[in-house]
Amino acid sequence: MQARLNNFIFKRKMSEIRNEYFPLKDETDAIIRLGFEVYTALGFGFLEVVYKDAIEYEFRQNDILFERKKEYIVHYKDTLLKHRFLRTSLCLILLF
């Protein structure tokens, strides 16, 4: 009986730790699930842009806000570098 109680307490503590350290766990799981869905449907062998198009479709179908591309100016010490950083995708999930 004590072992069951200890197991219950351990699981509850782990749940609290997960919620504290991973506050967006459900949203992260949803995005990972969509990535697996795309891979399952398409398999391997396509160019990266095909997978980006497919994940964009899934994000739109699941009302996940995102930006496909965004360019950033890079500051280094006291100068701006001549090349910019191009981030290719970012998910934004609104929390209500």
PDB file of N, CA and C in Angstrom:
ATOM      1  N   MET A   1       0.824  -1.195   0.000  1.00  0.00           N
ATOM      2  CA  MET A   1       0.000   0.000   0.000  1.00  0.00           C
ATOM      3  C   MET A   1       0.874   1.268   0.000  1.00  0.00           C
ATOM      4  N   GLN A   2       1.940   1.252   0.798  1.00  0.00           N
ATOM      5  CA  GLN A   2       2.846   2.403   0.870  1.00  0.00           C
ATOM      6  C   GLN A   2       3.523   2.654  -0.487  1.00  0.00           C
ATOM      7  N   ALA A   3       3.858   1.574  -1.186  1.00  0.00           N
ATOM      8  CA  ALA A   3       4.503   1.715  -2.502  1.00  0.00           C
ATOM      9  C   ALA A   3       3.558   2.413  -3.479  1.00  0.00           C
ATOM     10  N   ARG A   4       2.285   2.085  -3.446  1.00  0.00           N
ATOM     11  CA  ARG A   4       1.304   2.717  -4.333  1.00  0.00           C
ATOM     12  C   ARG A   4       1.186   4.208  -4.014  1.00  0.00           C
ATOM     13  N   LEU A   5       1.157   4.510  -2.717  1.00  0.00           N
ATOM     14  CA  LEU A   5       1.061   5.906  -2.298  1.00  0.00           C
ATOM     15  C   LEU A   5       2.297   6.674  -2.745  1.00  0.00           C
ATOM     16  N   ASN A   6       3.475   6.096  -2.566  1.00  0.00           N
ATOM     17  CA  ASN A   6       4.720   6.740  -3.004  1.00  0.00           C
ATOM     18  C   ASN A   6       4.722   6.958  -4.513  1.00  0.00           C
ATOM     19  N   ASN A   7       4.243   5.976  -5.268  1.00  0.00           N
ATOM     20  CA  ASN A   7       4.165   6.090  -6.720  1.00  0.00           C
ATOM     21  C   ASN A   7       3.225   7.227  -7.122  1.00  0.00           C
ATOM     22  N   PHE A   8       2.086   7.323  -6.440  1.00  0.00           N
ATOM     23  CA  PHE A   8       1.123   8.381  -6.719  1.00  0.00           C
ATOM     24  C   PHE A   8       1.749   9.750  -6.443  1.00  0.00           C
ATOM     25  N   ILE A   9       2.422   9.865  -5.295  1.00  0.00           N
ATOM     26  CA  ILE A   9       3.071  11.131  -4.929  1.00  0.00           C
ATOM     27  C   ILE A   9       4.152  11.480  -5.941  1.00  0.00           C
ATOM     28  N   PHE A  10       4.938  10.503  -6.358  1.00  0.00           N
ATOM     29  CA  PHE A  10       5.999  10.727  -7.349  1.00  0.00           C
ATOM     30  C   PHE A  10       5.404  11.234  -8.668  1.00  0.00           C
ATOM     31  N   LYS A  11       4.350  10.575  -9.139  1.00  0.00           N
ATOM     32  CA  LYS A  11       3.730  10.985 -10.405  1.00  0.00           C
ATOM     33  C   LYS A  11       3.163  12.389 -10.306  1.00  0.00           C
ATOM     34  N   ARG A  12       2.566  12.709  -9.170  1.00  0.00           N
ATOM     35  CA  ARG A  12       2.007  14.047  -8.992  1.00  0.00           C
ATOM     36  C   ARG A  12       3.113  15.094  -8.987  1.00  0.00           C
ATOM     37  N   LYS A  13       4.212  14.819  -8.297  1.00  0.00           N
ATOM     38  CA  LYS A  13       5.352  15.743  -8.274  1.00  0.00           C
ATOM     39  C   LYS A  13       5.914  15.946  -9.679  1.00  0.00           C
ATOM     40  N   MET A  14       6.057  14.850 -10.428  1.00  0.00           N
ATOM     41  CA  MET A  14       6.577  14.944 -11.791  1.00  0.00           C
ATOM     42  C   MET A  14       5.649  15.796 -12.655  1.00  0.00           C
ATOM     43  N   SER A  15       4.354  15.655 -12.467  1.00  0.00           N
ATOM     44  CA  SER A  15       3.394  16.458 -13.215  1.00  0.00           C
ATOM     45  C   SER A  15       3.563  17.936 -12.883  1.00  0.00           C
ATOM     46  N   GLU A  16       3.753  18.248 -11.607  1.00  0.00           N
ATOM     47  CA  GLU A  16       3.971  19.631 -11.197  1.00  0.00           C
ATOM     48  C   GLU A  16       5.261  20.170 -11.793  1.00  0.00           C
ATOM     49  N   ILE A  17       6.313  19.371 -11.796  1.00  0.00           N
ATOM     50  CA  ILE A  17       7.596  19.784 -12.372  1.00  0.00           C
ATOM     51  C   ILE A  17       7.435  20.039 -13.864  1.00  0.00           C
ATOM     52  N   ARG A  18       6.742  19.141 -14.566  1.00  0.00           N
ATOM     53  CA  ARG A  18       6.531  19.323 -16.002  1.00  0.00           C
ATOM     54  C   ARG A  18       5.803  20.629 -16.276  1.00  0.00           C
ATOM     55  N   ASN A  19       4.751  20.894 -15.511  1.00  0.00           N
ATOM     56  CA  ASN A  19       3.979  22.117 -15.721  1.00  0.00           C
ATOM     57  C   ASN A  19       4.808  23.356 -15.434  1.00  0.00           C
ATOM     58  N   GLU A  20       5.703  23.269 -14.474  1.00  0.00           N
ATOM     59  CA  GLU A  20       6.547  24.409 -14.123  1.00  0.00           C
ATOM     60  C   GLU A  20       7.619  24.654 -15.180  1.00  0.00           C
ATOM     61  N   TYR A  21       8.286  23.603 -15.630  1.00  0.00           N
ATOM     62  CA  TYR A  21       9.395  23.753 -16.565  1.00  0.00           C
ATOM     63  C   TYR A  21       8.976  23.734 -18.023  1.00  0.00           C
ATOM     64  N   PHE A  22       7.823  23.198 -18.301  1.00  0.00           N
ATOM     65  CA  PHE A  22       7.330  23.114 -19.674  1.00  0.00           C
ATOM     66  C   PHE A  22       5.915  23.672 -19.748  1.00  0.00           C
ATOM     67  N   PRO A  23       5.759  24.986 -19.563  1.00  0.00           N
ATOM     68  CA  PRO A  23       4.420  25.564 -19.518  1.00  0.00           C
ATOM     69  C   PRO A  23       3.673  25.484 -20.854  1.00  0.00           C
ATOM     70  N   LEU A  24       4.373  25.307 -21.962  1.00  0.00           N
ATOM     71  CA  LEU A  24       3.726  25.201 -23.277  1.00  0.00           C
ATOM     72  C   LEU A  24       3.781  23.783 -23.816  1.00  0.00           C
ATOM     73  N   LYS A  25       3.757  22.810 -22.923  1.00  0.00           N
ATOM     74  CA  LYS A  25       3.884  21.409 -23.308  1.00  0.00           C
ATOM     75  C   LYS A  25       2.803  20.993 -24.302  1.00  0.00           C
ATOM     76  N   ASP A  26       1.547  21.336 -24.039  1.00  0.00           N
ATOM     77  CA  ASP A  26       0.458  20.932 -24.926  1.00  0.00           C
ATOM     78  C   ASP A  26       0.634  21.528 -26.316  1.00  0.00           C
ATOM     79  N   GLU A  27       1.027  22.788 -26.376  1.00  0.00           N
ATOM     80  CA  GLU A  27       1.231  23.441 -27.662  1.00  0.00           C
ATOM     81  C   GLU A  27       2.422  22.826 -28.400  1.00  0.00           C
ATOM     82  N   THR A  28       3.482  22.541 -27.656  1.00  0.00           N
ATOM     83  CA  THR A  28       4.665  21.905 -28.248  1.00  0.00           C
ATOM     84  C   THR A  28       4.310  20.521 -28.780  1.00  0.00           C
ATOM     85  N   ASP A  29       3.569  19.762 -28.002  1.00  0.00           N
ATOM     86  CA  ASP A  29       3.135  18.428 -28.441  1.00  0.00           C
ATOM     87  C   ASP A  29       2.305  18.513 -29.721  1.00  0.00           C
ATOM     88  N   ALA A  30       1.433  19.521 -29.817  1.00  0.00           N
ATOM     89  CA  ALA A  30       0.596  19.678 -31.012  1.00  0.00           C
ATOM     90  C   ALA A  30       1.454  19.944 -32.251  1.00  0.00           C
ATOM     91  N   ILE A  31       2.471  20.800 -32.100  1.00  0.00           N
ATOM     92  CA  ILE A  31       3.341  21.117 -33.239  1.00  0.00           C
ATOM     93  C   ILE A  31       4.161  19.896 -33.645  1.00  0.00           C
ATOM     94  N   ILE A  32       4.675  19.167 -32.671  1.00  0.00           N
ATOM     95  CA  ILE A  32       5.439  17.952 -32.978  1.00  0.00           C
ATOM     96  C   ILE A  32       4.539  16.926 -33.656  1.00  0.00           C
ATOM     97  N   ARG A  33       3.307  16.785 -33.173  1.00  0.00           N
ATOM     98  CA  ARG A  33       2.351  15.840 -33.778  1.00  0.00           C
ATOM     99  C   ARG A  33       2.113  16.191 -35.243  1.00  0.00           C
ATOM    100  N   LEU A  34       1.980  17.486 -35.544  1.00  0.00           N
ATOM    101  CA  LEU A  34       1.773  17.904 -36.937  1.00  0.00           C
ATOM    102  C   LEU A  34       3.006  17.603 -37.784  1.00  0.00           C
ATOM    103  N   GLY A  35       4.191  17.774 -37.203  1.00  0.00           N
ATOM    104  CA  GLY A  35       5.407  17.423 -37.935  1.00  0.00           C
ATOM    105  C   GLY A  35       5.448  15.952 -38.288  1.00  0.00           C
ATOM    106  N   PHE A  36       5.072  15.100 -37.336  1.00  0.00           N
ATOM    107  CA  PHE A  36       5.020  13.664 -37.615  1.00  0.00           C
ATOM    108  C   PHE A  36       3.948  13.335 -38.647  1.00  0.00           C
ATOM    109  N   GLU A  37       2.837  14.057 -38.586  1.00  0.00           N
ATOM    110  CA  GLU A  37       1.769  13.831 -39.561  1.00  0.00           C
ATOM    111  C   GLU A  37       2.253  14.140 -40.975  1.00  0.00           C
ATOM    112  N   VAL A  38       2.980  15.250 -41.119  1.00  0.00           N
ATOM    113  CA  VAL A  38       3.531  15.617 -42.425  1.00  0.00           C
ATOM    114  C   VAL A  38       4.515  14.545 -42.899  1.00  0.00           C
ATOM    115  N   TYR A  39       5.410  14.132 -42.021  1.00  0.00           N
ATOM    116  CA  TYR A  39       6.399  13.130 -42.402  1.00  0.00           C
ATOM    117  C   TYR A  39       5.735  11.803 -42.760  1.00  0.00           C
ATOM    118  N   THR A  40       4.721  11.413 -42.003  1.00  0.00           N
ATOM    119  CA  THR A  40       4.010  10.163 -42.288  1.00  0.00           C
ATOM    120  C   THR A  40       3.347  10.215 -43.656  1.00  0.00           C
ATOM    121  N   ALA A  41       2.776  11.358 -43.985  1.00  0.00           N
ATOM    122  CA  ALA A  41       2.086  11.496 -45.265  1.00  0.00           C
ATOM    123  C   ALA A  41       3.052  11.584 -46.444  1.00  0.00           C
ATOM    124  N   LEU A  42       4.154  12.324 -46.280  1.00  0.00           N
ATOM    125  CA  LEU A  42       5.069  12.558 -47.402  1.00  0.00           C
ATOM    126  C   LEU A  42       6.241  11.592 -47.459  1.00  0.00           C
ATOM    127  N   GLY A  43       6.635  11.063 -46.305  1.00  0.00           N
ATOM    128  CA  GLY A  43       7.824  10.224 -46.287  1.00  0.00           C
ATOM    129  C   GLY A  43       9.072  11.080 -46.430  1.00  0.00           C
ATOM    130  N   PHE A  44      10.156  10.468 -46.899  1.00  0.00           N
ATOM    131  CA  PHE A  44      11.409  11.206 -47.036  1.00  0.00           C
ATOM    132  C   PHE A  44      11.751  11.372 -48.511  1.00  0.00           C
ATOM    133  N   GLY A  45      12.686  12.274 -48.790  1.00  0.00           N
ATOM    134  CA  GLY A  45      13.195  12.408 -50.151  1.00  0.00           C
ATOM    135  C   GLY A  45      12.852  13.703 -50.852  1.00  0.00           C
ATOM    136  N   PHE A  46      11.955  14.503 -50.279  1.00  0.00           N
ATOM    137  CA  PHE A  46      11.617  15.771 -50.921  1.00  0.00           C
ATOM    138  C   PHE A  46      12.586  16.856 -50.476  1.00  0.00           C
ATOM    139  N   LEU A  47      12.611  17.945 -51.222  1.00  0.00           N
ATOM    140  CA  LEU A  47      13.371  19.112 -50.800  1.00  0.00           C
ATOM    141  C   LEU A  47      12.692  19.728 -49.581  1.00  0.00           C
ATOM    142  N   GLU A  48      13.470  20.462 -48.810  1.00  0.00           N
ATOM    143  CA  GLU A  48      12.973  21.066 -47.566  1.00  0.00           C
ATOM    144  C   GLU A  48      11.725  21.917 -47.792  1.00  0.00           C
ATOM    145  N   VAL A  49      11.667  22.631 -48.906  1.00  0.00           N
ATOM    146  CA  VAL A  49      10.551  23.534 -49.173  1.00  0.00           C
ATOM    147  C   VAL A  49       9.214  22.782 -49.242  1.00  0.00           C
ATOM    148  N   VAL A  50       9.214  21.545 -49.685  1.00  0.00           N
ATOM    149  CA  VAL A  50       7.986  20.750 -49.750  1.00  0.00           C
ATOM    150  C   VAL A  50       7.455  20.501 -48.342  1.00  0.00           C
ATOM    151  N   TYR A  51       8.337  20.148 -47.431  1.00  0.00           N
ATOM    152  CA  TYR A  51       7.928  19.924 -46.044  1.00  0.00           C
ATOM    153  C   TYR A  51       7.466  21.221 -45.391  1.00  0.00           C
ATOM    154  N   LYS A  52       8.114  22.332 -45.734  1.00  0.00           N
ATOM    155  CA  LYS A  52       7.682  23.627 -45.201  1.00  0.00           C
ATOM    156  C   LYS A  52       6.283  23.971 -45.693  1.00  0.00           C
ATOM    157  N   ASP A  53       6.015  23.709 -46.966  1.00  0.00           N
ATOM    158  CA  ASP A  53       4.671  23.952 -47.497  1.00  0.00           C
ATOM    159  C   ASP A  53       3.637  23.098 -46.777  1.00  0.00           C
ATOM    160  N   ALA A  54       3.973  21.848 -46.537  1.00  0.00           N
ATOM    161  CA  ALA A  54       3.039  20.937 -45.871  1.00  0.00           C
ATOM    162  C   ALA A  54       2.794  21.348 -44.419  1.00  0.00           C
ATOM    163  N   ILE A  55       3.834  21.729 -43.704  1.00  0.00           N
ATOM    164  CA  ILE A  55       3.637  22.132 -42.311  1.00  0.00           C
ATOM    165  C   ILE A  55       2.893  23.459 -42.252  1.00  0.00           C
ATOM    166  N   GLU A  56       3.120  24.329 -43.225  1.00  0.00           N
ATOM    167  CA  GLU A  56       2.351  25.576 -43.304  1.00  0.00           C
ATOM    168  C   GLU A  56       0.866  25.263 -43.477  1.00  0.00           C
ATOM    169  N   TYR A  57       0.557  24.324 -44.339  1.00  0.00           N
ATOM    170  CA  TYR A  57      -0.835  23.899 -44.531  1.00  0.00           C
ATOM    171  C   TYR A  57      -1.426  23.400 -43.210  1.00  0.00           C
ATOM    172  N   GLU A  58      -0.687  22.559 -42.502  1.00  0.00           N
ATOM    173  CA  GLU A  58      -1.173  22.008 -41.231  1.00  0.00           C
ATOM    174  C   GLU A  58      -1.361  23.102 -40.185  1.00  0.00           C
ATOM    175  N   PHE A  59      -0.427  24.058 -40.129  1.00  0.00           N
ATOM    176  CA  PHE A  59      -0.574  25.155 -39.176  1.00  0.00           C
ATOM    177  C   PHE A  59      -1.840  25.953 -39.467  1.00  0.00           C
ATOM    178  N   ARG A  60      -2.084  26.237 -40.743  1.00  0.00           N
ATOM    179  CA  ARG A  60      -3.293  26.985 -41.105  1.00  0.00           C
ATOM    180  C   ARG A  60      -4.553  26.190 -40.742  1.00  0.00           C
ATOM    181  N   GLN A  61      -4.551  24.900 -41.019  1.00  0.00           N
ATOM    182  CA  GLN A  61      -5.715  24.058 -40.706  1.00  0.00           C
ATOM    183  C   GLN A  61      -5.978  23.980 -39.205  1.00  0.00           C
ATOM    184  N   ASN A  62      -4.941  24.132 -38.401  1.00  0.00           N
ATOM    185  CA  ASN A  62      -5.061  24.007 -36.949  1.00  0.00           C
ATOM    186  C   ASN A  62      -4.986  25.355 -36.228  1.00  0.00           C
ATOM    187  N   ASP A  63      -5.146  26.442 -36.986  1.00  0.00           N
ATOM    188  CA  ASP A  63      -5.167  27.802 -36.419  1.00  0.00           C
ATOM    189  C   ASP A  63      -3.939  28.120 -35.573  1.00  0.00           C
ATOM    190  N   ILE A  64      -2.774  27.688 -36.029  1.00  0.00           N
ATOM    191  CA  ILE A  64      -1.510  28.021 -35.372  1.00  0.00           C
ATOM    192  C   ILE A  64      -0.882  29.161 -36.158  1.00  0.00           C
ATOM    193  N   LEU A  65      -0.695  30.285 -35.491  1.00  0.00           N
ATOM    194  CA  LEU A  65      -0.113  31.446 -36.156  1.00  0.00           C
ATOM    195  C   LEU A  65       1.383  31.231 -36.342  1.00  0.00           C
ATOM    196  N   PHE A  66       1.905  31.696 -37.453  1.00  0.00           N
ATOM    197  CA  PHE A  66       3.324  31.496 -37.741  1.00  0.00           C
ATOM    198  C   PHE A  66       3.790  32.511 -38.757  1.00  0.00           C
ATOM    199  N   GLU A  67       5.098  32.668 -38.850  1.00  0.00           N
ATOM    200  CA  GLU A  67       5.735  33.442 -39.905  1.00  0.00           C
ATOM    201  C   GLU A  67       6.623  32.488 -40.680  1.00  0.00           C
ATOM    202  N   ARG A  68       6.577  32.571 -41.975  1.00  0.00           N
ATOM    203  CA  ARG A  68       7.377  31.667 -42.800  1.00  0.00           C
ATOM    204  C   ARG A  68       8.838  32.114 -42.865  1.00  0.00           C
ATOM    205  N   LYS A  69       9.072  33.397 -43.109  1.00  0.00           N
ATOM    206  CA  LYS A  69      10.440  33.908 -43.195  1.00  0.00           C
ATOM    207  C   LYS A  69      10.500  35.276 -42.526  1.00  0.00           C
ATOM    208  N   LYS A  70      11.627  35.549 -41.902  1.00  0.00           N
ATOM    209  CA  LYS A  70      11.860  36.872 -41.345  1.00  0.00           C
ATOM    210  C   LYS A  70      13.362  37.118 -41.344  1.00  0.00           C
ATOM    211  N   GLU A  71      13.725  38.326 -41.741  1.00  0.00           N
ATOM    212  CA  GLU A  71      15.134  38.691 -41.831  1.00  0.00           C
ATOM    213  C   GLU A  71      15.496  39.617 -40.675  1.00  0.00           C
ATOM    214  N   TYR A  72      16.660  39.364 -40.076  1.00  0.00           N
ATOM    215  CA  TYR A  72      17.124  40.166 -38.957  1.00  0.00           C
ATOM    216  C   TYR A  72      18.465  40.793 -39.278  1.00  0.00           C
ATOM    217  N   ILE A  73      18.631  42.038 -38.847  1.00  0.00           N
ATOM    218  CA  ILE A  73      19.924  42.710 -38.913  1.00  0.00           C
ATOM    219  C   ILE A  73      20.757  42.156 -37.761  1.00  0.00           C
ATOM    220  N   VAL A  74      22.040  41.930 -38.018  1.00  0.00           N
ATOM    221  CA  VAL A  74      22.911  41.378 -36.985  1.00  0.00           C
ATOM    222  C   VAL A  74      23.873  42.466 -36.504  1.00  0.00           C
ATOM    223  N   HIS A  75      23.811  42.743 -35.203  1.00  0.00           N
ATOM    224  CA  HIS A  75      24.726  43.691 -34.568  1.00  0.00           C
ATOM    225  C   HIS A  75      25.911  42.911 -34.024  1.00  0.00           C
ATOM    226  N   TYR A  76      27.092  43.430 -34.278  1.00  0.00           N
ATOM    227  CA  TYR A  76      28.301  42.832 -33.710  1.00  0.00           C
ATOM    228  C   TYR A  76      29.157  43.950 -33.157  1.00  0.00           C
ATOM    229  N   LYS A  77      29.337  43.923 -31.854  1.00  0.00           N
ATOM    230  CA  LYS A  77      30.085  44.957 -31.137  1.00  0.00           C
ATOM    231  C   LYS A  77      29.519  46.323 -31.509  1.00  0.00           C
ATOM    232  N   ASP A  78      30.280  47.156 -32.207  1.00  0.00           N
ATOM    233  CA  ASP A  78      29.791  48.504 -32.521  1.00  0.00           C
ATOM    234  C   ASP A  78      29.425  48.672 -34.000  1.00  0.00           C
ATOM    235  N   THR A  79      29.116  47.564 -34.681  1.00  0.00           N
ATOM    236  CA  THR A  79      28.828  47.651 -36.112  1.00  0.00           C
ATOM    237  C   THR A  79      27.643  46.760 -36.490  1.00  0.00           C
ATOM    238  N   LEU A  80      27.095  47.043 -37.642  1.00  0.00           N
ATOM    239  CA  LEU A  80      26.089  46.171 -38.238  1.00  0.00           C
ATOM    240  C   LEU A  80      26.780  45.322 -39.289  1.00  0.00           C
ATOM    241  N   LEU A  81      26.582  44.027 -39.225  1.00  0.00           N
ATOM    242  CA  LEU A  81      27.206  43.151 -40.221  1.00  0.00           C
ATOM    243  C   LEU A  81      26.495  43.298 -41.560  1.00  0.00           C
ATOM    244  N   LYS A  82      27.239  43.077 -42.648  1.00  0.00           N
ATOM    245  CA  LYS A  82      26.646  43.263 -43.979  1.00  0.00           C
ATOM    246  C   LYS A  82      25.666  42.147 -44.336  1.00  0.00           C
ATOM    247  N   HIS A  83      25.852  40.975 -43.738  1.00  0.00           N
ATOM    248  CA  HIS A  83      24.906  39.885 -43.998  1.00  0.00           C
ATOM    249  C   HIS A  83      23.857  39.848 -42.902  1.00  0.00           C
ATOM    250  N   ARG A  84      22.684  39.421 -43.274  1.00  0.00           N
ATOM    251  CA  ARG A  84      21.585  39.359 -42.325  1.00  0.00           C
ATOM    252  C   ARG A  84      21.256  37.910 -42.005  1.00  0.00           C
ATOM    253  N   PHE A  85      20.593  37.723 -40.891  1.00  0.00           N
ATOM    254  CA  PHE A  85      20.166  36.385 -40.488  1.00  0.00           C
ATOM    255  C   PHE A  85      18.749  36.165 -41.003  1.00  0.00           C
ATOM    256  N   LEU A  86      18.531  35.066 -41.711  1.00  0.00           N
ATOM    257  CA  LEU A  86      17.202  34.740 -42.232  1.00  0.00           C
ATOM    258  C   LEU A  86      16.663  33.548 -41.463  1.00  0.00           C
ATOM    259  N   ARG A  87      15.642  33.819 -40.651  1.00  0.00           N
ATOM    260  CA  ARG A  87      14.979  32.746 -39.925  1.00  0.00           C
ATOM    261  C   ARG A  87      13.873  32.234 -40.830  1.00  0.00           C
ATOM    262  N   THR A  88      13.780  30.927 -40.980  1.00  0.00           N
ATOM    263  CA  THR A  88      12.868  30.389 -41.978  1.00  0.00           C
ATOM    264  C   THR A  88      11.474  30.076 -41.475  1.00  0.00           C
ATOM    265  N   SER A  89      11.272  29.848 -40.189  1.00  0.00           N
ATOM    266  CA  SER A  89       9.905  29.646 -39.715  1.00  0.00           C
ATOM    267  C   SER A  89       9.829  29.835 -38.220  1.00  0.00           C
ATOM    268  N   LEU A  90       8.681  30.265 -37.763  1.00  0.00           N
ATOM    269  CA  LEU A  90       8.453  30.490 -36.350  1.00  0.00           C
ATOM    270  C   LEU A  90       6.971  30.305 -36.079  1.00  0.00           C
ATOM    271  N   CYS A  91       6.652  29.530 -35.070  1.00  0.00           N
ATOM    272  CA  CYS A  91       5.261  29.324 -34.675  1.00  0.00           C
ATOM    273  C   CYS A  91       4.928  30.286 -33.552  1.00  0.00           C
ATOM    274  N   LEU A  92       3.779  30.856 -33.635  1.00  0.00           N
ATOM    275  CA  LEU A  92       3.286  31.732 -32.582  1.00  0.00           C
ATOM    276  C   LEU A  92       1.929  31.203 -32.137  1.00  0.00           C
ATOM    277  N   ILE A  93       1.830  30.824 -30.905  1.00  0.00           N
ATOM    278  CA  ILE A  93       0.567  30.296 -30.410  1.00  0.00           C
ATOM    279  C   ILE A  93      -0.011  31.302 -29.436  1.00  0.00           C
ATOM    280  N   LEU A  94      -1.224  31.710 -29.688  1.00  0.00           N
ATOM    281  CA  LEU A  94      -1.866  32.659 -28.788  1.00  0.00           C
ATOM    282  C   LEU A  94      -2.416  31.910 -27.579  1.00  0.00           C
ATOM    283  N   LEU A  95      -2.121  32.430 -26.419  1.00  0.00           N
ATOM    284  CA  LEU A  95      -2.640  31.842 -25.191  1.00  0.00           C
ATOM    285  C   LEU A  95      -3.737  32.751 -24.657  1.00  0.00           C
ATOM    286  N   PHE A  96      -4.878  32.175 -24.409  1.00  0.00           N
ATOM    287  CA  PHE A  96      -6.005  32.955 -23.888  1.00  0.00           C
ATOM    288  C   PHE A  96      -6.185  32.728 -22.426  1.00  0.00           C
TER     289      PHE A  96
END
